[in-house]
Amino acid sequence: MSIIVVDNVKLNGRDGKVILDGITFTVEEGDFLGVLGPSGAGKSSLFKLLNRLLSPTSGEIYYRGKNLKEYDPVKLRREIGYVWQKPYLFGQKVLEDLTYPFRLSQEKPDMELIYKYLAQANLKEEILAKKPTELSGGEAQRISLIRTLLVKPRVLLLDEVTSALDTENTRAILDLILREKEEKNLTVLAITHNLEAFNFKKVLYLNAGQVKYFGEGKI
């Protein structure tokens, strides 16, 4: 079943520069899709469109059969989780960031689940007492991913989520993502240059704002 349909989408910058030039593709529910291409190809702009942080200049995007424009942006972002390459953590302590999804849904924080995710991400529980500014780039990336998973999205957009991680922690995060994908039938779209580690089954290759390849296997 199709979960995301991008239909002839164009995006121009404020200066009129073409960022995306009539791209069309369909994501099936449960896909693990690599979004590839050189710098400036439009990959991150595509993710911002899917998360309604940007609106297309023309063309349409559908999520679960409904035009993206018809969704409340806040509710949509709970279904389509976006983990940025440079994560933004907003709490005074890391604990506040990881309990935020529960406050959002007016639930009691599930500390057992938080501890489980921390362990799977190779993070110690002591990190909860740290200030976000005390974290390394790799630690902040992992906390941002965990916070997004705690919202329980249907779709996960990952923008270079392992770029600040060493080999061991990259493997831990990939294992966590794939485990979540299989257990919850998550649909995952990931921007990365680490093709060997991710081993995508399907790829979308962008260049100069256009789809140059979309299909099974590797480029």
N, C-alpha and C. Protein backbone atom coordinates (compact mmCIF):
# COMPACT_ATOMS: atom_id res chain seq x y z
N MET A 1 0.84 -1.20 0.00
CA MET A 1 0.00 0.00 0.00
C MET A 1 0.88 1.25 0.00
N SER A 2 0.55 2.22 -0.86
CA SER A 2 1.31 3.47 -0.92
C SER A 2 1.05 4.31 0.33
N ILE A 3 2.12 4.82 0.94
CA ILE A 3 1.96 5.68 2.11
C ILE A 3 2.30 7.12 1.77
N ILE A 4 3.24 7.33 0.83
CA ILE A 4 3.60 8.67 0.37
C ILE A 4 3.62 8.68 -1.16
N VAL A 5 2.97 9.66 -1.73
CA VAL A 5 3.01 9.86 -3.18
C VAL A 5 3.45 11.30 -3.44
N VAL A 6 4.53 11.44 -4.19
CA VAL A 6 5.03 12.76 -4.59
C VAL A 6 4.76 12.89 -6.08
N ASP A 7 3.93 13.87 -6.45
CA ASP A 7 3.43 13.97 -7.82
C ASP A 7 3.86 15.28 -8.47
N ASN A 8 4.88 15.19 -9.34
CA ASN A 8 5.35 16.33 -10.14
C ASN A 8 5.62 17.57 -9.29
N VAL A 9 6.36 17.37 -8.21
CA VAL A 9 6.62 18.45 -7.25
C VAL A 9 7.80 19.31 -7.70
N LYS A 10 7.55 20.60 -7.70
CA LYS A 10 8.59 21.59 -7.96
C LYS A 10 8.75 22.48 -6.73
N LEU A 11 9.99 22.87 -6.47
CA LEU A 11 10.26 23.77 -5.36
C LEU A 11 11.30 24.78 -5.82
N ASN A 12 10.93 26.06 -5.69
CA ASN A 12 11.87 27.14 -5.99
C ASN A 12 12.27 27.83 -4.69
N GLY A 13 13.51 28.28 -4.62
CA GLY A 13 13.96 29.06 -3.48
C GLY A 13 13.42 30.48 -3.55
N ARG A 14 13.67 31.25 -2.50
CA ARG A 14 13.19 32.64 -2.47
C ARG A 14 13.78 33.47 -3.59
N ASP A 15 14.97 33.08 -4.04
CA ASP A 15 15.63 33.80 -5.13
C ASP A 15 15.19 33.30 -6.50
N GLY A 16 14.23 32.36 -6.51
CA GLY A 16 13.74 31.82 -7.76
C GLY A 16 14.52 30.63 -8.27
N LYS A 17 15.62 30.30 -7.58
CA LYS A 17 16.44 29.15 -8.01
C LYS A 17 15.65 27.86 -7.87
N VAL A 18 15.75 26.99 -8.87
CA VAL A 18 15.04 25.71 -8.84
C VAL A 18 15.77 24.75 -7.91
N ILE A 19 15.05 24.27 -6.88
CA ILE A 19 15.63 23.31 -5.92
C ILE A 19 15.19 21.90 -6.27
N LEU A 20 13.90 21.73 -6.55
CA LEU A 20 13.37 20.45 -7.02
C LEU A 20 12.59 20.72 -8.29
N ASP A 21 12.80 19.87 -9.29
CA ASP A 21 12.29 20.17 -10.62
C ASP A 21 11.39 19.06 -11.15
N GLY A 22 10.14 19.04 -10.64
CA GLY A 22 9.14 18.10 -11.15
C GLY A 22 9.41 16.66 -10.78
N ILE A 23 9.61 16.39 -9.49
CA ILE A 23 9.93 15.03 -9.06
C ILE A 23 8.66 14.23 -8.75
N THR A 24 8.69 12.97 -9.13
CA THR A 24 7.56 12.06 -8.93
C THR A 24 8.09 10.71 -8.45
N PHE A 25 7.52 10.20 -7.36
CA PHE A 25 7.84 8.85 -6.90
C PHE A 25 6.81 8.45 -5.84
N THR A 26 6.76 7.15 -5.55
CA THR A 26 5.81 6.60 -4.57
C THR A 26 6.56 5.75 -3.55
N VAL A 27 6.24 5.94 -2.28
CA VAL A 27 6.83 5.14 -1.20
C VAL A 27 5.76 4.20 -0.67
N GLU A 28 6.09 2.91 -0.63
CA GLU A 28 5.15 1.93 -0.10
C GLU A 28 5.32 1.80 1.41
N GLU A 29 4.23 1.45 2.07
CA GLU A 29 4.30 1.27 3.53
C GLU A 29 5.31 0.17 3.86
N GLY A 30 6.19 0.47 4.82
CA GLY A 30 7.21 -0.49 5.23
C GLY A 30 8.49 -0.42 4.43
N ASP A 31 8.57 0.50 3.44
CA ASP A 31 9.80 0.65 2.65
C ASP A 31 10.97 1.10 3.51
N PHE A 32 12.17 0.72 3.09
CA PHE A 32 13.42 1.24 3.65
C PHE A 32 14.15 1.86 2.47
N LEU A 33 13.98 3.17 2.32
CA LEU A 33 14.38 3.88 1.10
C LEU A 33 15.58 4.78 1.35
N GLY A 34 16.63 4.58 0.57
CA GLY A 34 17.77 5.47 0.61
C GLY A 34 17.55 6.65 -0.32
N VAL A 35 17.75 7.86 0.21
CA VAL A 35 17.62 9.08 -0.60
C VAL A 35 19.04 9.59 -0.83
N LEU A 36 19.51 9.45 -2.05
CA LEU A 36 20.92 9.65 -2.36
C LEU A 36 21.10 10.79 -3.35
N GLY A 37 22.35 11.25 -3.44
CA GLY A 37 22.67 12.29 -4.41
C GLY A 37 23.73 13.23 -3.86
N PRO A 38 24.35 14.01 -4.72
CA PRO A 38 25.40 14.94 -4.27
C PRO A 38 24.84 16.09 -3.46
N SER A 39 25.71 16.83 -2.81
CA SER A 39 25.32 18.04 -2.07
C SER A 39 24.60 18.99 -3.01
N GLY A 40 23.50 19.58 -2.51
CA GLY A 40 22.74 20.52 -3.32
C GLY A 40 21.75 19.87 -4.26
N ALA A 41 21.57 18.54 -4.15
CA ALA A 41 20.65 17.84 -5.06
C ALA A 41 19.19 18.05 -4.69
N GLY A 42 18.93 18.49 -3.45
CA GLY A 42 17.55 18.73 -3.01
C GLY A 42 17.04 17.72 -2.01
N LYS A 43 17.93 16.89 -1.45
CA LYS A 43 17.50 15.80 -0.55
C LYS A 43 16.86 16.35 0.73
N SER A 44 17.56 17.25 1.41
CA SER A 44 17.00 17.80 2.66
C SER A 44 15.76 18.64 2.40
N SER A 45 15.73 19.34 1.27
CA SER A 45 14.54 20.12 0.92
C SER A 45 13.33 19.20 0.72
N LEU A 46 13.57 18.03 0.14
CA LEU A 46 12.49 17.05 -0.02
C LEU A 46 11.94 16.64 1.34
N PHE A 47 12.82 16.36 2.29
CA PHE A 47 12.37 15.96 3.63
C PHE A 47 11.57 17.09 4.29
N LYS A 48 11.99 18.32 4.09
CA LYS A 48 11.24 19.45 4.67
C LYS A 48 9.85 19.57 4.05
N LEU A 49 9.74 19.23 2.77
CA LEU A 49 8.42 19.21 2.14
C LEU A 49 7.54 18.12 2.75
N LEU A 50 8.12 16.94 2.95
CA LEU A 50 7.35 15.81 3.50
C LEU A 50 6.92 16.08 4.94
N ASN A 51 7.65 16.94 5.64
CA ASN A 51 7.34 17.27 7.03
C ASN A 51 6.57 18.59 7.16
N ARG A 52 6.22 19.17 6.02
CA ARG A 52 5.48 20.44 5.92
C ARG A 52 6.22 21.62 6.54
N LEU A 53 7.54 21.55 6.51
CA LEU A 53 8.34 22.71 6.90
C LEU A 53 8.51 23.65 5.70
N LEU A 54 8.31 23.10 4.52
CA LEU A 54 8.25 23.87 3.27
C LEU A 54 7.01 23.43 2.51
N SER A 55 6.54 24.29 1.61
CA SER A 55 5.42 23.94 0.73
C SER A 55 5.90 23.95 -0.71
N PRO A 56 5.43 23.01 -1.54
CA PRO A 56 5.87 22.98 -2.94
C PRO A 56 5.44 24.22 -3.71
N THR A 57 6.26 24.62 -4.66
CA THR A 57 5.88 25.70 -5.56
C THR A 57 4.75 25.24 -6.46
N SER A 58 4.81 23.98 -6.87
CA SER A 58 3.72 23.36 -7.63
C SER A 58 3.81 21.86 -7.45
N GLY A 59 2.75 21.15 -7.88
CA GLY A 59 2.69 19.71 -7.66
C GLY A 59 2.05 19.38 -6.33
N GLU A 60 1.84 18.09 -6.08
CA GLU A 60 1.13 17.65 -4.88
C GLU A 60 1.88 16.52 -4.18
N ILE A 61 1.68 16.47 -2.86
CA ILE A 61 2.21 15.37 -2.05
C ILE A 61 1.04 14.77 -1.27
N TYR A 62 0.94 13.45 -1.29
CA TYR A 62 -0.13 12.76 -0.58
C TYR A 62 0.47 11.84 0.48
N TYR A 63 -0.18 11.82 1.64
CA TYR A 63 0.21 10.92 2.72
C TYR A 63 -1.02 10.11 3.11
N ARG A 64 -0.90 8.79 2.97
CA ARG A 64 -2.00 7.87 3.27
C ARG A 64 -3.27 8.26 2.51
N GLY A 65 -3.09 8.62 1.25
CA GLY A 65 -4.21 8.91 0.38
C GLY A 65 -4.82 10.29 0.51
N LYS A 66 -4.25 11.13 1.36
CA LYS A 66 -4.81 12.46 1.61
C LYS A 66 -3.74 13.51 1.32
N ASN A 67 -4.15 14.60 0.68
CA ASN A 67 -3.21 15.66 0.35
C ASN A 67 -2.56 16.19 1.62
N LEU A 68 -1.25 16.35 1.56
CA LEU A 68 -0.49 16.80 2.73
C LEU A 68 -1.01 18.14 3.26
N LYS A 69 -1.51 18.98 2.37
CA LYS A 69 -2.00 20.31 2.75
C LYS A 69 -3.23 20.22 3.66
N GLU A 70 -3.89 19.06 3.65
CA GLU A 70 -5.12 18.92 4.44
C GLU A 70 -4.83 18.49 5.88
N TYR A 71 -3.58 18.16 6.17
CA TYR A 71 -3.21 17.74 7.53
C TYR A 71 -2.84 18.93 8.39
N ASP A 72 -3.19 18.87 9.66
CA ASP A 72 -2.66 19.81 10.62
C ASP A 72 -1.16 19.53 10.77
N PRO A 73 -0.28 20.53 10.58
CA PRO A 73 1.16 20.29 10.59
C PRO A 73 1.67 19.63 11.86
N VAL A 74 1.13 20.03 13.01
CA VAL A 74 1.59 19.46 14.28
C VAL A 74 1.24 17.97 14.36
N LYS A 75 0.01 17.63 13.99
CA LYS A 75 -0.40 16.22 14.01
C LYS A 75 0.37 15.41 12.97
N LEU A 76 0.60 16.03 11.80
CA LEU A 76 1.35 15.35 10.75
C LEU A 76 2.76 14.99 11.23
N ARG A 77 3.39 15.90 11.95
CA ARG A 77 4.77 15.67 12.39
C ARG A 77 4.88 14.62 13.48
N ARG A 78 3.75 14.26 14.06
CA ARG A 78 3.76 13.13 14.99
C ARG A 78 3.71 11.81 14.22
N GLU A 79 3.21 11.85 13.00
CA GLU A 79 3.15 10.64 12.17
C GLU A 79 4.38 10.51 11.27
N ILE A 80 4.91 11.65 10.84
CA ILE A 80 6.12 11.66 10.01
C ILE A 80 7.23 12.31 10.82
N GLY A 81 8.02 11.49 11.50
CA GLY A 81 9.09 11.99 12.36
C GLY A 81 10.33 12.34 11.55
N TYR A 82 10.95 13.45 11.87
CA TYR A 82 12.10 13.95 11.12
C TYR A 82 13.29 14.11 12.07
N VAL A 83 14.35 13.37 11.81
CA VAL A 83 15.58 13.49 12.60
C VAL A 83 16.61 14.23 11.75
N TRP A 84 16.94 15.44 12.18
CA TRP A 84 17.83 16.32 11.43
C TRP A 84 19.28 15.88 11.59
N GLN A 85 20.10 16.25 10.60
CA GLN A 85 21.53 15.96 10.68
C GLN A 85 22.15 16.70 11.86
N LYS A 86 21.75 17.95 12.05
CA LYS A 86 22.22 18.73 13.21
C LYS A 86 21.05 18.84 14.17
N PRO A 87 20.98 17.96 15.16
CA PRO A 87 19.80 17.87 16.01
C PRO A 87 19.61 19.10 16.89
N TYR A 88 18.35 19.39 17.16
CA TYR A 88 17.98 20.49 18.06
C TYR A 88 17.38 19.90 19.32
N LEU A 89 18.08 20.07 20.43
CA LEU A 89 17.57 19.62 21.73
C LEU A 89 17.20 20.86 22.53
N PHE A 90 16.04 20.83 23.18
CA PHE A 90 15.51 22.07 23.76
C PHE A 90 15.35 22.03 25.27
N GLY A 91 15.50 20.90 25.92
CA GLY A 91 15.29 20.83 27.36
C GLY A 91 16.47 21.38 28.15
N GLN A 92 16.23 21.68 29.41
CA GLN A 92 17.34 22.05 30.30
C GLN A 92 18.23 20.84 30.57
N LYS A 93 17.61 19.69 30.61
CA LYS A 93 18.32 18.42 30.77
C LYS A 93 17.83 17.46 29.68
N VAL A 94 18.64 16.47 29.37
CA VAL A 94 18.27 15.49 28.35
C VAL A 94 16.96 14.79 28.72
N LEU A 95 16.76 14.57 30.02
CA LEU A 95 15.52 13.92 30.48
C LEU A 95 14.29 14.66 29.97
N GLU A 96 14.34 15.99 29.94
CA GLU A 96 13.19 16.77 29.48
C GLU A 96 12.90 16.50 28.00
N ASP A 97 13.96 16.35 27.21
CA ASP A 97 13.77 16.04 25.80
C ASP A 97 13.09 14.69 25.61
N LEU A 98 13.50 13.70 26.40
CA LEU A 98 12.99 12.35 26.20
C LEU A 98 11.64 12.11 26.88
N THR A 99 11.24 12.99 27.78
CA THR A 99 9.89 12.86 28.34
C THR A 99 8.89 13.76 27.59
N TYR A 100 9.40 14.62 26.71
CA TYR A 100 8.51 15.51 25.95
C TYR A 100 7.44 14.77 25.15
N PRO A 101 7.78 13.68 24.44
CA PRO A 101 6.73 12.98 23.68
C PRO A 101 5.57 12.51 24.56
N PHE A 102 5.87 12.15 25.80
CA PHE A 102 4.81 11.70 26.70
C PHE A 102 3.96 12.88 27.18
N ARG A 103 4.61 14.01 27.42
CA ARG A 103 3.85 15.21 27.78
C ARG A 103 2.96 15.64 26.63
N LEU A 104 3.47 15.48 25.41
CA LEU A 104 2.71 15.85 24.22
C LEU A 104 1.41 15.06 24.12
N SER A 105 1.47 13.79 24.49
CA SER A 105 0.27 12.95 24.42
C SER A 105 -0.41 12.79 25.78
N GLN A 106 0.03 13.60 26.75
CA GLN A 106 -0.55 13.62 28.09
C GLN A 106 -0.52 12.23 28.74
N GLU A 107 0.64 11.58 28.62
CA GLU A 107 0.85 10.27 29.21
C GLU A 107 1.96 10.33 30.25
N LYS A 108 1.95 9.38 31.14
CA LYS A 108 3.04 9.27 32.11
C LYS A 108 4.28 8.76 31.38
N PRO A 109 5.44 9.39 31.59
CA PRO A 109 6.66 8.93 30.91
C PRO A 109 6.95 7.46 31.19
N ASP A 110 7.25 6.73 30.15
CA ASP A 110 7.60 5.32 30.24
C ASP A 110 9.12 5.23 30.37
N MET A 111 9.61 5.30 31.61
CA MET A 111 11.05 5.33 31.84
C MET A 111 11.70 4.01 31.42
N GLU A 112 10.98 2.91 31.54
CA GLU A 112 11.53 1.62 31.12
C GLU A 112 11.84 1.63 29.62
N LEU A 113 10.94 2.22 28.84
CA LEU A 113 11.16 2.31 27.40
C LEU A 113 12.32 3.25 27.09
N ILE A 114 12.39 4.36 27.80
CA ILE A 114 13.51 5.30 27.61
C ILE A 114 14.83 4.61 27.90
N TYR A 115 14.90 3.88 29.01
CA TYR A 115 16.15 3.18 29.36
C TYR A 115 16.49 2.13 28.29
N LYS A 116 15.48 1.48 27.75
CA LYS A 116 15.72 0.46 26.73
C LYS A 116 16.33 1.08 25.48
N TYR A 117 15.76 2.20 25.05
CA TYR A 117 16.30 2.88 23.87
C TYR A 117 17.72 3.38 24.12
N LEU A 118 17.96 3.91 25.30
CA LEU A 118 19.31 4.39 25.62
C LEU A 118 20.32 3.25 25.51
N ALA A 119 19.98 2.11 26.06
CA ALA A 119 20.88 0.95 26.01
C ALA A 119 21.12 0.51 24.57
N GLN A 120 20.06 0.49 23.77
CA GLN A 120 20.19 0.06 22.38
C GLN A 120 21.01 1.05 21.55
N ALA A 121 21.04 2.31 22.00
CA ALA A 121 21.80 3.34 21.30
C ALA A 121 23.20 3.52 21.88
N ASN A 122 23.61 2.61 22.76
CA ASN A 122 24.94 2.68 23.39
C ASN A 122 25.12 3.95 24.22
N LEU A 123 24.07 4.33 24.94
CA LEU A 123 24.13 5.50 25.81
C LEU A 123 23.83 5.07 27.25
N LYS A 124 24.52 5.67 28.20
CA LYS A 124 24.30 5.34 29.60
C LYS A 124 23.17 6.19 30.18
N GLU A 125 22.52 5.66 31.19
CA GLU A 125 21.38 6.36 31.79
C GLU A 125 21.78 7.71 32.40
N GLU A 126 23.06 7.84 32.76
CA GLU A 126 23.53 9.09 33.37
C GLU A 126 23.39 10.28 32.42
N ILE A 127 23.25 10.01 31.13
CA ILE A 127 23.13 11.10 30.16
C ILE A 127 21.86 11.91 30.38
N LEU A 128 20.87 11.32 31.02
CA LEU A 128 19.59 12.00 31.25
C LEU A 128 19.76 13.25 32.12
N ALA A 129 20.78 13.27 32.96
CA ALA A 129 21.00 14.41 33.87
C ALA A 129 21.86 15.49 33.23
N LYS A 130 22.37 15.24 32.03
CA LYS A 130 23.24 16.22 31.38
C LYS A 130 22.43 17.31 30.68
N LYS A 131 23.09 18.45 30.51
CA LYS A 131 22.51 19.51 29.68
C LYS A 131 22.76 19.16 28.21
N PRO A 132 21.83 19.49 27.32
CA PRO A 132 22.05 19.22 25.90
C PRO A 132 23.36 19.80 25.37
N THR A 133 23.78 20.95 25.92
CA THR A 133 25.01 21.59 25.47
C THR A 133 26.26 20.81 25.86
N GLU A 134 26.11 19.85 26.78
CA GLU A 134 27.25 19.04 27.22
C GLU A 134 27.45 17.81 26.36
N LEU A 135 26.53 17.55 25.43
CA LEU A 135 26.61 16.35 24.62
C LEU A 135 27.52 16.53 23.41
N SER A 136 28.13 15.44 22.99
CA SER A 136 28.86 15.44 21.74
C SER A 136 27.85 15.42 20.58
N GLY A 137 28.34 15.67 19.36
CA GLY A 137 27.45 15.63 18.21
C GLY A 137 26.79 14.28 18.04
N GLY A 138 27.55 13.21 18.25
CA GLY A 138 27.01 11.87 18.11
C GLY A 138 25.98 11.54 19.17
N GLU A 139 26.22 12.00 20.40
CA GLU A 139 25.25 11.78 21.48
C GLU A 139 23.95 12.53 21.19
N ALA A 140 24.08 13.76 20.71
CA ALA A 140 22.89 14.56 20.41
C ALA A 140 22.08 13.92 19.28
N GLN A 141 22.76 13.38 18.27
CA GLN A 141 22.06 12.69 17.18
C GLN A 141 21.25 11.52 17.72
N ARG A 142 21.85 10.75 18.61
CA ARG A 142 21.17 9.57 19.14
C ARG A 142 19.99 9.95 20.02
N ILE A 143 20.16 11.00 20.84
CA ILE A 143 19.05 11.46 21.69
C ILE A 143 17.90 11.96 20.81
N SER A 144 18.22 12.68 19.74
CA SER A 144 17.19 13.18 18.83
C SER A 144 16.43 12.03 18.19
N LEU A 145 17.14 10.98 17.79
CA LEU A 145 16.49 9.81 17.21
C LEU A 145 15.56 9.15 18.23
N ILE A 146 16.05 8.96 19.44
CA ILE A 146 15.23 8.32 20.48
C ILE A 146 13.98 9.15 20.74
N ARG A 147 14.14 10.46 20.86
CA ARG A 147 12.98 11.34 21.11
C ARG A 147 11.94 11.17 20.00
N THR A 148 12.40 11.08 18.76
CA THR A 148 11.48 10.92 17.64
C THR A 148 10.78 9.56 17.69
N LEU A 149 11.51 8.51 18.02
CA LEU A 149 10.90 7.18 18.13
C LEU A 149 9.85 7.13 19.24
N LEU A 150 10.06 7.89 20.30
CA LEU A 150 9.12 7.89 21.42
C LEU A 150 7.79 8.53 21.05
N VAL A 151 7.77 9.32 19.98
CA VAL A 151 6.51 9.90 19.50
C VAL A 151 5.67 8.84 18.78
N LYS A 152 6.31 7.73 18.42
CA LYS A 152 5.67 6.60 17.72
C LYS A 152 5.18 6.98 16.32
N PRO A 153 6.10 7.45 15.48
CA PRO A 153 5.71 7.82 14.12
C PRO A 153 5.42 6.60 13.26
N ARG A 154 4.75 6.85 12.14
CA ARG A 154 4.54 5.82 11.12
C ARG A 154 5.66 5.86 10.08
N VAL A 155 6.18 7.09 9.87
CA VAL A 155 7.24 7.31 8.89
C VAL A 155 8.40 7.99 9.59
N LEU A 156 9.62 7.58 9.25
CA LEU A 156 10.82 8.14 9.86
C LEU A 156 11.70 8.72 8.76
N LEU A 157 11.97 10.03 8.84
CA LEU A 157 12.87 10.70 7.91
C LEU A 157 14.20 10.91 8.62
N LEU A 158 15.25 10.33 8.10
CA LEU A 158 16.57 10.39 8.75
C LEU A 158 17.54 11.12 7.84
N ASP A 159 18.05 12.26 8.30
CA ASP A 159 18.99 13.05 7.51
C ASP A 159 20.40 12.89 8.08
N GLU A 160 21.18 12.01 7.46
CA GLU A 160 22.57 11.76 7.89
C GLU A 160 22.64 11.48 9.39
N VAL A 161 21.77 10.58 9.86
CA VAL A 161 21.62 10.36 11.31
C VAL A 161 22.83 9.70 11.95
N THR A 162 23.72 9.13 11.16
CA THR A 162 24.92 8.50 11.72
C THR A 162 26.20 9.25 11.35
N SER A 163 26.08 10.48 10.84
CA SER A 163 27.24 11.19 10.32
C SER A 163 28.29 11.50 11.39
N ALA A 164 27.86 11.63 12.64
CA ALA A 164 28.80 11.98 13.71
C ALA A 164 29.19 10.75 14.55
N LEU A 165 28.88 9.55 14.05
CA LEU A 165 29.10 8.34 14.85
C LEU A 165 30.26 7.51 14.31
N ASP A 166 30.92 6.81 15.22
CA ASP A 166 31.95 5.86 14.81
C ASP A 166 31.28 4.56 14.35
N THR A 167 32.10 3.62 13.92
CA THR A 167 31.57 2.38 13.33
C THR A 167 30.69 1.61 14.32
N GLU A 168 31.15 1.50 15.57
CA GLU A 168 30.39 0.73 16.57
C GLU A 168 29.03 1.35 16.83
N ASN A 169 28.98 2.67 17.01
CA ASN A 169 27.71 3.32 17.30
C ASN A 169 26.81 3.41 16.06
N THR A 170 27.42 3.50 14.89
CA THR A 170 26.63 3.44 13.66
C THR A 170 25.90 2.11 13.57
N ARG A 171 26.59 1.04 13.86
CA ARG A 171 25.98 -0.29 13.82
C ARG A 171 24.84 -0.40 14.84
N ALA A 172 25.05 0.15 16.04
CA ALA A 172 24.01 0.10 17.07
C ALA A 172 22.76 0.85 16.62
N ILE A 173 22.95 2.03 16.01
CA ILE A 173 21.81 2.83 15.57
C ILE A 173 21.09 2.16 14.41
N LEU A 174 21.84 1.58 13.47
CA LEU A 174 21.19 0.87 12.37
C LEU A 174 20.40 -0.33 12.87
N ASP A 175 20.95 -1.04 13.84
CA ASP A 175 20.23 -2.18 14.43
C ASP A 175 18.94 -1.70 15.08
N LEU A 176 19.02 -0.57 15.79
CA LEU A 176 17.83 -0.02 16.46
C LEU A 176 16.78 0.38 15.42
N ILE A 177 17.20 1.06 14.37
CA ILE A 177 16.25 1.50 13.34
C ILE A 177 15.59 0.30 12.66
N LEU A 178 16.39 -0.69 12.30
CA LEU A 178 15.84 -1.86 11.61
C LEU A 178 14.93 -2.67 12.52
N ARG A 179 15.26 -2.74 13.80
CA ARG A 179 14.41 -3.45 14.76
C ARG A 179 13.06 -2.75 14.88
N GLU A 180 13.09 -1.43 15.00
CA GLU A 180 11.85 -0.65 15.08
C GLU A 180 11.03 -0.80 13.80
N LYS A 181 11.72 -0.78 12.68
CA LYS A 181 11.04 -0.92 11.39
C LYS A 181 10.28 -2.23 11.30
N GLU A 182 10.95 -3.31 11.69
CA GLU A 182 10.33 -4.64 11.58
C GLU A 182 9.21 -4.82 12.59
N GLU A 183 9.44 -4.37 13.83
CA GLU A 183 8.44 -4.58 14.89
C GLU A 183 7.19 -3.71 14.70
N LYS A 184 7.38 -2.50 14.13
CA LYS A 184 6.26 -1.55 14.04
C LYS A 184 5.87 -1.22 12.61
N ASN A 185 6.48 -1.94 11.65
CA ASN A 185 6.21 -1.70 10.23
C ASN A 185 6.44 -0.23 9.87
N LEU A 186 7.50 0.35 10.42
CA LEU A 186 7.86 1.72 10.11
C LEU A 186 8.27 1.85 8.64
N THR A 187 7.95 2.97 8.06
CA THR A 187 8.46 3.32 6.74
C THR A 187 9.63 4.27 6.98
N VAL A 188 10.79 3.94 6.43
CA VAL A 188 12.00 4.72 6.71
C VAL A 188 12.59 5.28 5.41
N LEU A 189 12.81 6.60 5.40
CA LEU A 189 13.53 7.26 4.31
C LEU A 189 14.79 7.85 4.92
N ALA A 190 15.94 7.52 4.37
CA ALA A 190 17.19 7.95 4.98
C ALA A 190 18.14 8.55 3.96
N ILE A 191 18.61 9.77 4.27
CA ILE A 191 19.69 10.39 3.52
C ILE A 191 21.01 9.95 4.15
N THR A 192 21.91 9.44 3.34
CA THR A 192 23.21 9.02 3.88
C THR A 192 24.21 8.88 2.74
N HIS A 193 25.48 8.98 3.11
CA HIS A 193 26.56 8.65 2.18
C HIS A 193 27.19 7.31 2.54
N ASN A 194 26.69 6.72 3.64
CA ASN A 194 27.23 5.45 4.13
C ASN A 194 26.40 4.29 3.57
N LEU A 195 26.49 4.06 2.26
CA LEU A 195 25.65 3.08 1.60
C LEU A 195 25.92 1.66 2.09
N GLU A 196 27.18 1.35 2.33
CA GLU A 196 27.54 -0.01 2.73
C GLU A 196 26.88 -0.39 4.05
N ALA A 197 26.85 0.55 5.00
CA ALA A 197 26.25 0.27 6.31
C ALA A 197 24.74 0.12 6.22
N PHE A 198 24.09 0.98 5.45
CA PHE A 198 22.63 0.98 5.42
C PHE A 198 22.05 -0.15 4.58
N ASN A 199 22.70 -0.52 3.48
CA ASN A 199 22.25 -1.65 2.66
C ASN A 199 20.77 -1.53 2.28
N PHE A 200 20.41 -0.43 1.62
CA PHE A 200 19.02 -0.18 1.24
C PHE A 200 18.52 -1.21 0.22
N LYS A 201 17.23 -1.50 0.29
CA LYS A 201 16.59 -2.37 -0.70
C LYS A 201 16.05 -1.56 -1.87
N LYS A 202 15.83 -0.26 -1.64
CA LYS A 202 15.28 0.61 -2.67
C LYS A 202 15.94 1.98 -2.52
N VAL A 203 16.22 2.64 -3.65
CA VAL A 203 16.88 3.94 -3.57
C VAL A 203 16.21 4.96 -4.49
N LEU A 204 16.30 6.22 -4.05
CA LEU A 204 15.90 7.37 -4.84
C LEU A 204 17.15 8.22 -5.01
N TYR A 205 17.56 8.42 -6.26
CA TYR A 205 18.77 9.20 -6.52
C TYR A 205 18.39 10.52 -7.15
N LEU A 206 18.76 11.63 -6.45
CA LEU A 206 18.48 12.97 -6.94
C LEU A 206 19.77 13.63 -7.41
N ASN A 207 19.64 14.42 -8.45
CA ASN A 207 20.77 15.25 -8.90
C ASN A 207 20.19 16.48 -9.59
N ALA A 208 20.70 17.64 -9.19
CA ALA A 208 20.21 18.91 -9.77
C ALA A 208 18.69 19.03 -9.66
N GLY A 209 18.14 18.52 -8.54
CA GLY A 209 16.71 18.66 -8.28
C GLY A 209 15.82 17.73 -9.06
N GLN A 210 16.40 16.75 -9.74
CA GLN A 210 15.61 15.83 -10.53
C GLN A 210 15.85 14.38 -10.09
N VAL A 211 14.84 13.54 -10.29
CA VAL A 211 14.99 12.11 -10.00
C VAL A 211 15.75 11.48 -11.16
N LYS A 212 16.93 10.97 -10.86
CA LYS A 212 17.75 10.32 -11.90
C LYS A 212 17.57 8.80 -11.85
N TYR A 213 17.19 8.29 -10.68
CA TYR A 213 16.92 6.85 -10.56
C TYR A 213 16.01 6.62 -9.37
N PHE A 214 15.05 5.73 -9.53
CA PHE A 214 14.21 5.31 -8.41
C PHE A 214 13.86 3.85 -8.63
N GLY A 215 14.24 3.00 -7.69
CA GLY A 215 13.92 1.59 -7.85
C GLY A 215 14.68 0.71 -6.90
N GLU A 216 14.63 -0.59 -7.17
CA GLU A 216 15.26 -1.58 -6.31
C GLU A 216 16.77 -1.57 -6.50
N GLY A 217 17.45 -2.03 -5.45
CA GLY A 217 18.89 -2.23 -5.54
C GLY A 217 19.70 -0.98 -5.34
N LYS A 218 20.96 -1.06 -5.73
CA LYS A 218 21.90 0.03 -5.50
C LYS A 218 22.23 0.74 -6.81
N ILE A 219 22.68 1.98 -6.67
CA ILE A 219 23.11 2.77 -7.82
C ILE A 219 24.39 2.16 -8.40
